Every structure is written in structure tokens, then in C-alpha cells.
Amino acid sequence: LWLYGKKTTHFWNILCLLLGTATYHVAVTFEVLNYDFKIYSLHWYCLKFLPLWLGGFAFFVSGYLQMKLNKYWLWRPYKLGWVAAWLNGVGGFLFFVGGFGAFWHPGPPWIAFYFLQLPYFVGSALYLVSSILCLYMWKLQQFGLTT
């Protein structure tokens, strides 16, 4: 049982990824279904804003834990795990910023661009590059990836 025993940083990292994905995709699912919420209503907070914010926060914490596992404080750009962990950490932070940007989305267009669209775009690009690096690590039989 996972409730017993000492919990490692690896465990908390994977748990954050699981919770981030589960909560983040609640808002994404309603977006795909084109379900429109009245802005700032209880449904909007519970099914749109909070899942984006909590998912982004969980991705940010997971990225930080990956950076911690790969000794982010040392300059080691020659290690694929270190680079992938940094990309995941910055990408997670940008998803966290994007979650906050969802709160002010109906505001001026520059807010939507700089605090919603740009952080998600750059964060997604960083996650893409990190995933490619992790696949390359897997090819090199480094199965620990960044976790």
C-alpha cells in the first residue's frame, strides 16, 4: 500500500504530476466541449479557474522537485536530466502563471496575451523539448528520466 512507508521526493513528484494532470484537464475538457460558464460564477471558479490554477501549481511543484532531484543549483548543462528538469521547472512555472492569467482573461487583450496565451505557449514548447530529451535519455538506457 502506498500509504505506508517513507515517501521519497520521487513519490511526491509523481503525485504532483498526477494531481496536476487530473485537475488541469477538468478545465480543458469543458473548454473542448465548448461549455460556457458565466464569468466569476461558482461554476466558473470550480470548473474553470481553480482547475487551471491548481494544475499549474502542481506542475510547478513537480518541476521544482525534478530540479531538486537533479541538483539544479549546480551548473551541469551537459547532463540531459538536468536540462530536462530545468525545462520542466520553468514550463511548470509558466503553466502556473497561465492559471492566474485565466482569472483576468476577459480583461484587456494584452493581459490575455502576456498572462495566458504566451505562458501556455512557451511552457508547452519547453515541455515538448523536455519530452524529446527524456525520450533520448530513454534511448540511452537512462530510464530514471528526470524523476
N, C-alpha and C. Protein backbone atom coordinates (compact mmCIF):
# COMPACT_ATOMS: atom_id res chain seq x y z
N LEU A 1 0.83 -1.18 0.00
CA LEU A 1 0.00 0.00 0.00
C LEU A 1 0.87 1.25 0.00
N TRP A 2 0.46 2.24 -0.74
CA TRP A 2 1.26 3.45 -0.86
C TRP A 2 1.13 4.36 0.35
N LEU A 3 0.17 4.09 1.24
CA LEU A 3 0.01 4.92 2.42
C LEU A 3 1.08 4.66 3.47
N TYR A 4 1.72 3.52 3.39
CA TYR A 4 2.69 3.15 4.40
C TYR A 4 4.11 3.33 3.88
N GLY A 5 5.03 3.57 4.79
CA GLY A 5 6.42 3.68 4.42
C GLY A 5 6.83 5.12 4.18
N LYS A 6 8.12 5.30 4.02
CA LYS A 6 8.69 6.62 3.81
C LYS A 6 8.42 7.09 2.38
N LYS A 7 8.00 8.32 2.26
CA LYS A 7 7.71 8.90 0.95
C LYS A 7 8.96 9.65 0.47
N THR A 8 9.40 9.34 -0.73
CA THR A 8 10.58 9.98 -1.29
C THR A 8 10.17 11.17 -2.14
N THR A 9 11.16 11.94 -2.55
CA THR A 9 10.91 13.07 -3.45
C THR A 9 10.34 12.57 -4.77
N HIS A 10 10.77 11.39 -5.21
CA HIS A 10 10.23 10.80 -6.44
C HIS A 10 8.72 10.59 -6.32
N PHE A 11 8.31 10.07 -5.17
CA PHE A 11 6.88 9.82 -4.93
C PHE A 11 6.09 11.12 -5.03
N TRP A 12 6.55 12.17 -4.34
CA TRP A 12 5.82 13.44 -4.34
C TRP A 12 5.82 14.08 -5.71
N ASN A 13 6.90 13.90 -6.46
CA ASN A 13 6.96 14.42 -7.82
C ASN A 13 5.88 13.78 -8.69
N ILE A 14 5.82 12.48 -8.67
CA ILE A 14 4.83 11.77 -9.49
C ILE A 14 3.41 12.09 -9.02
N LEU A 15 3.20 12.20 -7.71
CA LEU A 15 1.88 12.55 -7.19
C LEU A 15 1.47 13.94 -7.67
N CYS A 16 2.40 14.90 -7.67
CA CYS A 16 2.10 16.25 -8.17
C CYS A 16 1.74 16.21 -9.66
N LEU A 17 2.48 15.42 -10.43
CA LEU A 17 2.15 15.29 -11.86
C LEU A 17 0.76 14.70 -12.05
N LEU A 18 0.43 13.68 -11.27
CA LEU A 18 -0.89 13.05 -11.37
C LEU A 18 -1.99 14.04 -11.01
N LEU A 19 -1.83 14.74 -9.89
CA LEU A 19 -2.85 15.71 -9.47
C LEU A 19 -2.93 16.89 -10.43
N GLY A 20 -1.79 17.33 -10.94
CA GLY A 20 -1.80 18.43 -11.90
C GLY A 20 -2.54 18.06 -13.17
N THR A 21 -2.26 16.88 -13.68
CA THR A 21 -2.93 16.43 -14.90
C THR A 21 -4.42 16.25 -14.67
N ALA A 22 -4.78 15.64 -13.54
CA ALA A 22 -6.20 15.39 -13.26
C ALA A 22 -6.98 16.69 -13.12
N THR A 23 -6.42 17.67 -12.39
CA THR A 23 -7.17 18.91 -12.18
C THR A 23 -7.15 19.81 -13.41
N TYR A 24 -6.01 19.88 -14.06
CA TYR A 24 -5.88 20.75 -15.23
C TYR A 24 -6.83 20.33 -16.34
N HIS A 25 -7.00 19.04 -16.51
CA HIS A 25 -7.83 18.56 -17.61
C HIS A 25 -9.32 18.70 -17.36
N VAL A 26 -9.70 19.02 -16.14
CA VAL A 26 -11.12 19.33 -15.90
C VAL A 26 -11.48 20.58 -16.70
N ALA A 27 -10.68 21.64 -16.58
CA ALA A 27 -10.95 22.88 -17.32
C ALA A 27 -10.80 22.67 -18.82
N VAL A 28 -9.81 21.89 -19.22
CA VAL A 28 -9.58 21.65 -20.65
C VAL A 28 -10.75 20.89 -21.25
N THR A 29 -11.29 19.94 -20.51
CA THR A 29 -12.43 19.15 -21.01
C THR A 29 -13.64 20.06 -21.25
N PHE A 30 -13.93 20.94 -20.31
CA PHE A 30 -15.06 21.86 -20.51
C PHE A 30 -14.80 22.83 -21.65
N GLU A 31 -13.54 23.18 -21.86
CA GLU A 31 -13.20 24.06 -23.00
C GLU A 31 -13.42 23.35 -24.32
N VAL A 32 -13.01 22.07 -24.38
CA VAL A 32 -13.19 21.28 -25.61
C VAL A 32 -14.68 21.08 -25.91
N LEU A 33 -15.46 20.86 -24.85
CA LEU A 33 -16.90 20.68 -25.03
C LEU A 33 -17.62 22.01 -25.31
N ASN A 34 -16.86 23.11 -25.29
CA ASN A 34 -17.40 24.44 -25.55
C ASN A 34 -18.49 24.82 -24.56
N TYR A 35 -18.31 24.39 -23.33
CA TYR A 35 -19.25 24.73 -22.27
C TYR A 35 -18.91 26.11 -21.76
N ASP A 36 -19.85 27.03 -21.82
CA ASP A 36 -19.60 28.42 -21.45
C ASP A 36 -20.14 28.68 -20.05
N PHE A 37 -19.26 29.15 -19.17
CA PHE A 37 -19.65 29.49 -17.81
C PHE A 37 -19.85 30.99 -17.69
N LYS A 38 -20.77 31.37 -16.83
CA LYS A 38 -20.91 32.80 -16.51
C LYS A 38 -19.66 33.20 -15.75
N ILE A 39 -19.00 34.24 -16.21
CA ILE A 39 -17.71 34.64 -15.65
C ILE A 39 -17.86 34.97 -14.17
N TYR A 40 -16.93 34.50 -13.37
CA TYR A 40 -16.85 34.69 -11.91
C TYR A 40 -17.99 34.05 -11.14
N SER A 41 -18.72 33.13 -11.77
CA SER A 41 -19.74 32.39 -11.04
C SER A 41 -19.07 31.25 -10.27
N LEU A 42 -19.83 30.59 -9.41
CA LEU A 42 -19.28 29.47 -8.65
C LEU A 42 -18.83 28.35 -9.58
N HIS A 43 -19.61 28.07 -10.63
CA HIS A 43 -19.22 27.04 -11.60
C HIS A 43 -17.92 27.43 -12.31
N TRP A 44 -17.79 28.70 -12.66
CA TRP A 44 -16.57 29.17 -13.34
C TRP A 44 -15.36 28.98 -12.44
N TYR A 45 -15.50 29.34 -11.15
CA TYR A 45 -14.39 29.16 -10.22
C TYR A 45 -14.03 27.69 -10.06
N CYS A 46 -15.04 26.85 -9.86
CA CYS A 46 -14.79 25.43 -9.56
C CYS A 46 -14.37 24.61 -10.77
N LEU A 47 -14.88 24.93 -11.94
CA LEU A 47 -14.64 24.09 -13.12
C LEU A 47 -13.75 24.74 -14.17
N LYS A 48 -13.37 25.99 -13.98
CA LYS A 48 -12.51 26.65 -14.97
C LYS A 48 -11.25 27.23 -14.31
N PHE A 49 -11.43 28.18 -13.40
CA PHE A 49 -10.26 28.86 -12.84
C PHE A 49 -9.45 27.97 -11.89
N LEU A 50 -10.10 27.39 -10.89
CA LEU A 50 -9.36 26.58 -9.91
C LEU A 50 -8.64 25.38 -10.53
N PRO A 51 -9.26 24.63 -11.44
CA PRO A 51 -8.50 23.53 -12.06
C PRO A 51 -7.27 24.01 -12.83
N LEU A 52 -7.38 25.14 -13.53
CA LEU A 52 -6.21 25.67 -14.24
C LEU A 52 -5.13 26.12 -13.26
N TRP A 53 -5.53 26.81 -12.20
CA TRP A 53 -4.58 27.31 -11.23
C TRP A 53 -3.95 26.17 -10.43
N LEU A 54 -4.78 25.24 -9.93
CA LEU A 54 -4.24 24.13 -9.15
C LEU A 54 -3.38 23.20 -10.01
N GLY A 55 -3.81 22.96 -11.25
CA GLY A 55 -3.00 22.15 -12.15
C GLY A 55 -1.66 22.80 -12.43
N GLY A 56 -1.67 24.10 -12.69
CA GLY A 56 -0.42 24.82 -12.92
C GLY A 56 0.46 24.81 -11.69
N PHE A 57 -0.13 24.96 -10.51
CA PHE A 57 0.65 24.92 -9.28
C PHE A 57 1.28 23.55 -9.08
N ALA A 58 0.51 22.49 -9.34
CA ALA A 58 1.05 21.13 -9.20
C ALA A 58 2.17 20.87 -10.21
N PHE A 59 2.02 21.36 -11.43
CA PHE A 59 3.10 21.23 -12.43
C PHE A 59 4.34 22.00 -11.99
N PHE A 60 4.14 23.18 -11.40
CA PHE A 60 5.26 23.98 -10.91
C PHE A 60 5.99 23.25 -9.78
N VAL A 61 5.25 22.71 -8.82
CA VAL A 61 5.87 21.97 -7.71
C VAL A 61 6.59 20.74 -8.24
N SER A 62 5.99 20.03 -9.18
CA SER A 62 6.63 18.87 -9.77
C SER A 62 7.92 19.25 -10.49
N GLY A 63 7.89 20.35 -11.23
CA GLY A 63 9.10 20.82 -11.90
C GLY A 63 10.18 21.18 -10.91
N TYR A 64 9.79 21.82 -9.79
CA TYR A 64 10.78 22.15 -8.77
C TYR A 64 11.38 20.88 -8.17
N LEU A 65 10.54 19.89 -7.90
CA LEU A 65 11.05 18.63 -7.34
C LEU A 65 12.00 17.93 -8.32
N GLN A 66 11.69 17.99 -9.60
CA GLN A 66 12.59 17.41 -10.59
C GLN A 66 13.92 18.16 -10.61
N MET A 67 13.84 19.48 -10.50
CA MET A 67 15.08 20.27 -10.45
C MET A 67 15.88 19.93 -9.20
N LYS A 68 15.20 19.75 -8.08
CA LYS A 68 15.88 19.40 -6.83
C LYS A 68 16.56 18.04 -6.96
N LEU A 69 15.86 17.07 -7.55
CA LEU A 69 16.44 15.73 -7.72
C LEU A 69 17.68 15.76 -8.61
N ASN A 70 17.73 16.71 -9.53
CA ASN A 70 18.84 16.80 -10.47
C ASN A 70 19.84 17.89 -10.09
N LYS A 71 19.80 18.32 -8.83
CA LYS A 71 20.74 19.30 -8.28
C LYS A 71 20.81 20.56 -9.13
N TYR A 72 19.68 21.27 -9.17
CA TYR A 72 19.54 22.45 -10.01
C TYR A 72 20.56 23.54 -9.67
N TRP A 73 21.06 23.54 -8.46
CA TRP A 73 21.99 24.59 -8.04
C TRP A 73 23.38 24.43 -8.65
N LEU A 74 23.68 23.29 -9.23
CA LEU A 74 24.95 23.07 -9.91
C LEU A 74 24.79 23.35 -11.40
N TRP A 75 25.77 23.95 -12.01
CA TRP A 75 25.72 24.23 -13.45
C TRP A 75 26.17 22.97 -14.18
N ARG A 76 25.19 22.19 -14.71
CA ARG A 76 25.50 20.93 -15.39
C ARG A 76 24.71 20.80 -16.69
N PRO A 77 24.91 21.71 -17.63
CA PRO A 77 24.14 21.65 -18.87
C PRO A 77 24.51 20.46 -19.76
N TYR A 78 25.56 19.74 -19.44
CA TYR A 78 25.97 18.56 -20.20
C TYR A 78 25.19 17.32 -19.77
N LYS A 79 24.39 17.41 -18.70
CA LYS A 79 23.58 16.28 -18.26
C LYS A 79 22.15 16.47 -18.77
N LEU A 80 21.68 15.50 -19.53
CA LEU A 80 20.34 15.61 -20.12
C LEU A 80 19.26 15.72 -19.05
N GLY A 81 19.38 14.97 -17.98
CA GLY A 81 18.38 15.03 -16.91
C GLY A 81 18.30 16.40 -16.27
N TRP A 82 19.45 17.06 -16.11
CA TRP A 82 19.50 18.39 -15.52
C TRP A 82 18.79 19.39 -16.43
N VAL A 83 19.09 19.32 -17.72
CA VAL A 83 18.46 20.25 -18.68
C VAL A 83 16.95 20.00 -18.76
N ALA A 84 16.56 18.73 -18.83
CA ALA A 84 15.13 18.40 -18.90
C ALA A 84 14.41 18.84 -17.63
N ALA A 85 15.05 18.69 -16.48
CA ALA A 85 14.44 19.12 -15.22
C ALA A 85 14.25 20.63 -15.20
N TRP A 86 15.25 21.39 -15.68
CA TRP A 86 15.11 22.84 -15.75
C TRP A 86 13.98 23.24 -16.70
N LEU A 87 13.90 22.56 -17.84
CA LEU A 87 12.82 22.87 -18.78
C LEU A 87 11.46 22.59 -18.16
N ASN A 88 11.34 21.47 -17.43
CA ASN A 88 10.08 21.15 -16.76
C ASN A 88 9.77 22.15 -15.64
N GLY A 89 10.80 22.59 -14.92
CA GLY A 89 10.58 23.57 -13.86
C GLY A 89 10.08 24.90 -14.39
N VAL A 90 10.73 25.40 -15.41
CA VAL A 90 10.31 26.68 -16.00
C VAL A 90 8.96 26.53 -16.69
N GLY A 91 8.75 25.40 -17.38
CA GLY A 91 7.46 25.15 -18.02
C GLY A 91 6.33 25.08 -17.00
N GLY A 92 6.59 24.42 -15.87
CA GLY A 92 5.58 24.35 -14.81
C GLY A 92 5.27 25.72 -14.23
N PHE A 93 6.31 26.56 -14.06
CA PHE A 93 6.08 27.91 -13.57
C PHE A 93 5.22 28.70 -14.56
N LEU A 94 5.48 28.54 -15.85
CA LEU A 94 4.70 29.26 -16.86
C LEU A 94 3.25 28.77 -16.89
N PHE A 95 3.02 27.48 -16.66
CA PHE A 95 1.64 27.00 -16.57
C PHE A 95 0.94 27.57 -15.33
N PHE A 96 1.70 27.75 -14.25
CA PHE A 96 1.17 28.38 -13.05
C PHE A 96 0.77 29.83 -13.33
N VAL A 97 1.62 30.57 -14.06
CA VAL A 97 1.32 31.95 -14.46
C VAL A 97 0.08 31.96 -15.35
N GLY A 98 -0.01 31.00 -16.28
CA GLY A 98 -1.18 30.92 -17.16
C GLY A 98 -2.46 30.66 -16.39
N GLY A 99 -2.37 29.89 -15.31
CA GLY A 99 -3.54 29.66 -14.47
C GLY A 99 -4.04 30.95 -13.83
N PHE A 100 -3.11 31.81 -13.41
CA PHE A 100 -3.50 33.12 -12.89
C PHE A 100 -4.05 34.00 -14.00
N GLY A 101 -3.49 33.89 -15.18
CA GLY A 101 -3.96 34.69 -16.31
C GLY A 101 -5.40 34.39 -16.67
N ALA A 102 -5.86 33.18 -16.38
CA ALA A 102 -7.25 32.82 -16.67
C ALA A 102 -8.22 33.66 -15.84
N PHE A 103 -7.76 34.12 -14.69
CA PHE A 103 -8.64 34.93 -13.83
C PHE A 103 -8.97 36.27 -14.46
N TRP A 104 -8.02 36.86 -15.19
CA TRP A 104 -8.22 38.17 -15.80
C TRP A 104 -8.47 38.07 -17.30
N HIS A 105 -8.85 36.91 -17.77
CA HIS A 105 -8.98 36.69 -19.21
C HIS A 105 -9.93 37.66 -19.91
N PRO A 106 -11.10 37.98 -19.38
CA PRO A 106 -11.96 38.89 -20.14
C PRO A 106 -11.48 40.34 -20.12
N GLY A 107 -10.35 40.62 -19.53
CA GLY A 107 -9.83 41.98 -19.46
C GLY A 107 -9.23 42.43 -20.78
N PRO A 108 -8.31 43.38 -20.72
CA PRO A 108 -7.66 43.89 -21.93
C PRO A 108 -6.91 42.79 -22.68
N PRO A 109 -6.80 42.91 -24.00
CA PRO A 109 -6.14 41.87 -24.79
C PRO A 109 -4.68 41.63 -24.40
N TRP A 110 -3.97 42.65 -23.95
CA TRP A 110 -2.57 42.46 -23.58
C TRP A 110 -2.44 41.56 -22.36
N ILE A 111 -3.41 41.60 -21.46
CA ILE A 111 -3.38 40.70 -20.30
C ILE A 111 -3.55 39.27 -20.75
N ALA A 112 -4.51 39.04 -21.65
CA ALA A 112 -4.73 37.67 -22.15
C ALA A 112 -3.49 37.16 -22.87
N PHE A 113 -2.80 38.03 -23.58
CA PHE A 113 -1.62 37.59 -24.32
C PHE A 113 -0.46 37.29 -23.39
N TYR A 114 -0.10 38.25 -22.54
CA TYR A 114 1.10 38.10 -21.71
C TYR A 114 0.91 37.19 -20.50
N PHE A 115 -0.31 37.03 -20.01
CA PHE A 115 -0.52 36.23 -18.81
C PHE A 115 -1.32 34.96 -19.05
N LEU A 116 -1.71 34.69 -20.28
CA LEU A 116 -2.46 33.48 -20.57
C LEU A 116 -1.89 32.76 -21.79
N GLN A 117 -1.93 33.40 -22.93
CA GLN A 117 -1.51 32.72 -24.16
C GLN A 117 0.00 32.50 -24.23
N LEU A 118 0.79 33.53 -23.97
CA LEU A 118 2.24 33.40 -24.06
C LEU A 118 2.82 32.41 -23.04
N PRO A 119 2.41 32.46 -21.76
CA PRO A 119 2.95 31.47 -20.83
C PRO A 119 2.59 30.03 -21.22
N TYR A 120 1.36 29.80 -21.67
CA TYR A 120 0.99 28.44 -22.08
C TYR A 120 1.76 28.00 -23.32
N PHE A 121 1.95 28.91 -24.27
CA PHE A 121 2.68 28.56 -25.49
C PHE A 121 4.13 28.23 -25.18
N VAL A 122 4.81 29.11 -24.45
CA VAL A 122 6.22 28.87 -24.13
C VAL A 122 6.37 27.67 -23.20
N GLY A 123 5.48 27.54 -22.22
CA GLY A 123 5.52 26.38 -21.33
C GLY A 123 5.32 25.07 -22.08
N SER A 124 4.40 25.07 -23.02
CA SER A 124 4.19 23.87 -23.84
C SER A 124 5.40 23.54 -24.69
N ALA A 125 6.04 24.58 -25.25
CA ALA A 125 7.25 24.36 -26.05
C ALA A 125 8.37 23.78 -25.17
N LEU A 126 8.51 24.30 -23.95
CA LEU A 126 9.53 23.76 -23.04
C LEU A 126 9.23 22.31 -22.67
N TYR A 127 7.97 22.01 -22.43
CA TYR A 127 7.59 20.61 -22.14
C TYR A 127 7.87 19.71 -23.34
N LEU A 128 7.66 20.21 -24.54
CA LEU A 128 7.93 19.43 -25.74
C LEU A 128 9.42 19.11 -25.84
N VAL A 129 10.26 20.12 -25.68
CA VAL A 129 11.71 19.89 -25.76
C VAL A 129 12.16 18.95 -24.64
N SER A 130 11.62 19.13 -23.45
CA SER A 130 11.97 18.25 -22.34
C SER A 130 11.56 16.81 -22.63
N SER A 131 10.40 16.63 -23.21
CA SER A 131 9.94 15.27 -23.55
C SER A 131 10.84 14.63 -24.58
N ILE A 132 11.29 15.41 -25.55
CA ILE A 132 12.22 14.87 -26.56
C ILE A 132 13.53 14.46 -25.89
N LEU A 133 14.03 15.31 -24.97
CA LEU A 133 15.25 14.96 -24.25
C LEU A 133 15.06 13.69 -23.41
N CYS A 134 13.90 13.55 -22.79
CA CYS A 134 13.63 12.35 -21.99
C CYS A 134 13.55 11.11 -22.87
N LEU A 135 12.98 11.23 -24.05
CA LEU A 135 12.97 10.09 -24.98
C LEU A 135 14.39 9.72 -25.40
N TYR A 136 15.22 10.74 -25.61
CA TYR A 136 16.61 10.48 -25.96
C TYR A 136 17.34 9.81 -24.79
N MET A 137 17.03 10.24 -23.57
CA MET A 137 17.63 9.58 -22.40
C MET A 137 17.20 8.12 -22.33
N TRP A 138 15.95 7.87 -22.66
CA TRP A 138 15.44 6.50 -22.65
C TRP A 138 16.18 5.67 -23.68
N LYS A 139 16.45 6.25 -24.84
CA LYS A 139 17.20 5.55 -25.88
C LYS A 139 18.61 5.22 -25.39
N LEU A 140 19.17 6.09 -24.56
CA LEU A 140 20.50 5.85 -23.99
C LEU A 140 20.44 4.94 -22.75
N GLN A 141 19.28 4.37 -22.49
CA GLN A 141 19.02 3.48 -21.35
C GLN A 141 19.18 4.17 -20.01
N GLN A 142 18.83 5.43 -19.96
CA GLN A 142 18.76 6.17 -18.71
C GLN A 142 17.29 6.26 -18.33
N PHE A 143 16.79 5.20 -17.70
CA PHE A 143 15.36 5.06 -17.50
C PHE A 143 14.79 5.88 -16.35
N GLY A 144 15.64 6.52 -15.55
CA GLY A 144 15.14 7.33 -14.45
C GLY A 144 14.51 8.62 -14.91
N LEU A 145 14.81 9.02 -16.14
CA LEU A 145 14.33 10.29 -16.69
C LEU A 145 14.68 11.42 -15.74
N THR A 146 13.76 12.28 -15.41
CA THR A 146 14.07 13.39 -14.50
C THR A 146 13.45 13.19 -13.13
N THR A 147 12.72 12.10 -12.94
CA THR A 147 12.04 11.90 -11.65
C THR A 147 12.83 11.05 -10.72
